[in-house]
Amino acid sequence: MAETQSLPYLTKKEAARRLRRSASTMNDWRQRGIGPPAIKVAGGKLLYASDKLEAWIEQQNATG
C-alpha cells in the first residue's frame, strides 16, 4: 500500500489514520471547526488535500 502522504487527496478514513484518530473524531472536529480543512465532492464525500493536512499538522505542532 502506498504511503498516505504521497497521495494528493485522502479520504476521511485515510486522514484519520494519518492523525491516529478515529473517523468519528474527524467528524466531531469538522463540526466544531477545529480540524484540518476538507473539501466536499460529488455525493457528499469528504476529501483532505495531503499538503493541507500536513500544514495543519505543522500548525498544531507549532501552537500546541
C-alpha atoms as a PDB file:
ATOM      1  CA  MET A   1       0.000   0.000   0.000  1.00  0.00           C
ATOM      2  CA  ALA A   2       1.239   3.498  -0.859  1.00  0.00           C
ATOM      3  CA  GLU A   3       2.167   5.947   1.850  1.00  0.00           C
ATOM      4  CA  THR A   4      -0.796   8.230   2.514  1.00  0.00           C
ATOM      5  CA  GLN A   5       1.458  11.295   2.434  1.00  0.00           C
ATOM      6  CA  SER A   6       2.186  10.693  -1.277  1.00  0.00           C
ATOM      7  CA  LEU A   7      -1.480  10.719  -2.327  1.00  0.00           C
ATOM      8  CA  PRO A   8      -2.828  14.131  -3.424  1.00  0.00           C
ATOM      9  CA  TYR A   9      -6.136  13.606  -1.615  1.00  0.00           C
ATOM     10  CA  LEU A  10      -7.030  11.406   1.320  1.00  0.00           C
ATOM     11  CA  THR A  11     -10.375  10.009   2.369  1.00  0.00           C
ATOM     12  CA  LYS A  12     -11.606  10.729   5.870  1.00  0.00           C
ATOM     13  CA  LYS A  13     -10.504   7.256   6.938  1.00  0.00           C
ATOM     14  CA  GLU A  14      -7.006   7.755   5.487  1.00  0.00           C
ATOM     15  CA  ALA A  15      -6.681  11.208   7.057  1.00  0.00           C
ATOM     16  CA  ALA A  16      -7.848   9.820  10.406  1.00  0.00           C
ATOM     17  CA  ARG A  17      -5.265   7.053  10.153  1.00  0.00           C
ATOM     18  CA  ARG A  18      -2.556   9.641   9.402  1.00  0.00           C
ATOM     19  CA  LEU A  19      -3.573  11.559  12.534  1.00  0.00           C
ATOM     20  CA  ARG A  20      -4.026   8.379  14.585  1.00  0.00           C
ATOM     21  CA  ARG A  21      -7.605   9.351  15.324  1.00  0.00           C
ATOM     22  CA  SER A  22     -10.981   7.809  14.545  1.00  0.00           C
ATOM     23  CA  ALA A  23     -13.252   8.841  11.706  1.00  0.00           C
ATOM     24  CA  SER A  24     -15.803   9.938  14.310  1.00  0.00           C
ATOM     25  CA  THR A  25     -13.209  12.267  15.844  1.00  0.00           C
ATOM     26  CA  MET A  26     -12.652  13.737  12.370  1.00  0.00           C
ATOM     27  CA  ASN A  27     -16.420  14.321  12.109  1.00  0.00           C
ATOM     28  CA  ASP A  28     -16.510  15.957  15.526  1.00  0.00           C
ATOM     29  CA  TRP A  29     -13.552  18.220  14.738  1.00  0.00           C
ATOM     30  CA  ARG A  30     -15.107  19.238  11.427  1.00  0.00           C
ATOM     31  CA  GLN A  31     -18.436  20.101  13.062  1.00  0.00           C
ATOM     32  CA  ARG A  32     -16.627  22.152  15.711  1.00  0.00           C
ATOM     33  CA  GLY A  33     -14.432  23.880  13.107  1.00  0.00           C
ATOM     34  CA  ILE A  34     -11.160  22.768  14.709  1.00  0.00           C
ATOM     35  CA  GLY A  35      -9.997  20.009  12.375  1.00  0.00           C
ATOM     36  CA  PRO A  36      -7.976  20.010   9.189  1.00  0.00           C
ATOM     37  CA  PRO A  37      -9.593  21.589   6.122  1.00  0.00           C
ATOM     38  CA  ALA A  38     -11.662  19.267   3.943  1.00  0.00           C
ATOM     39  CA  ILE A  39     -13.467  19.588   0.652  1.00  0.00           C
ATOM     40  CA  LYS A  40     -16.820  18.053  -0.142  1.00  0.00           C
ATOM     41  CA  VAL A  41     -17.040  16.409  -3.557  1.00  0.00           C
ATOM     42  CA  ALA A  42     -19.950  14.949  -5.511  1.00  0.00           C
ATOM     43  CA  GLY A  43     -22.033  12.614  -3.420  1.00  0.00           C
ATOM     44  CA  GLY A  44     -21.106  14.421  -0.205  1.00  0.00           C
ATOM     45  CA  LYS A  45     -17.802  12.588   0.234  1.00  0.00           C
ATOM     46  CA  LEU A  46     -15.104  14.481   2.153  1.00  0.00           C
ATOM     47  CA  LEU A  47     -11.527  14.594   0.936  1.00  0.00           C
ATOM     48  CA  TYR A  48      -8.460  16.053   2.583  1.00  0.00           C
ATOM     49  CA  ALA A  49      -5.650  17.513   0.467  1.00  0.00           C
ATOM     50  CA  SER A  50      -2.417  15.912   1.649  1.00  0.00           C
ATOM     51  CA  ASP A  51      -0.455  19.158   1.587  1.00  0.00           C
ATOM     52  CA  LYS A  52      -3.121  20.989   3.619  1.00  0.00           C
ATOM     53  CA  LEU A  53      -3.330  18.130   6.094  1.00  0.00           C
ATOM     54  CA  GLU A  54       0.431  18.228   6.601  1.00  0.00           C
ATOM     55  CA  ALA A  55       0.322  22.028   7.001  1.00  0.00           C
ATOM     56  CA  TRP A  56      -2.445  21.648   9.595  1.00  0.00           C
ATOM     57  CA  ILE A  57      -0.325  19.106  11.489  1.00  0.00           C
ATOM     58  CA  GLU A  58       2.642  21.502  11.455  1.00  0.00           C
ATOM     59  CA  GLN A  59       0.418  24.319  12.705  1.00  0.00           C
ATOM     60  CA  GLN A  60      -0.789  22.125  15.586  1.00  0.00           C
ATOM     61  CA  ASN A  61       2.805  21.289  16.471  1.00  0.00           C
ATOM     62  CA  ALA A  62       3.756  24.981  16.452  1.00  0.00           C
ATOM     63  CA  THR A  63       0.843  26.096  18.635  1.00  0.00           C
ATOM     64  CA  GLY A  64       0.481  23.081  20.890  1.00  0.00           C
END
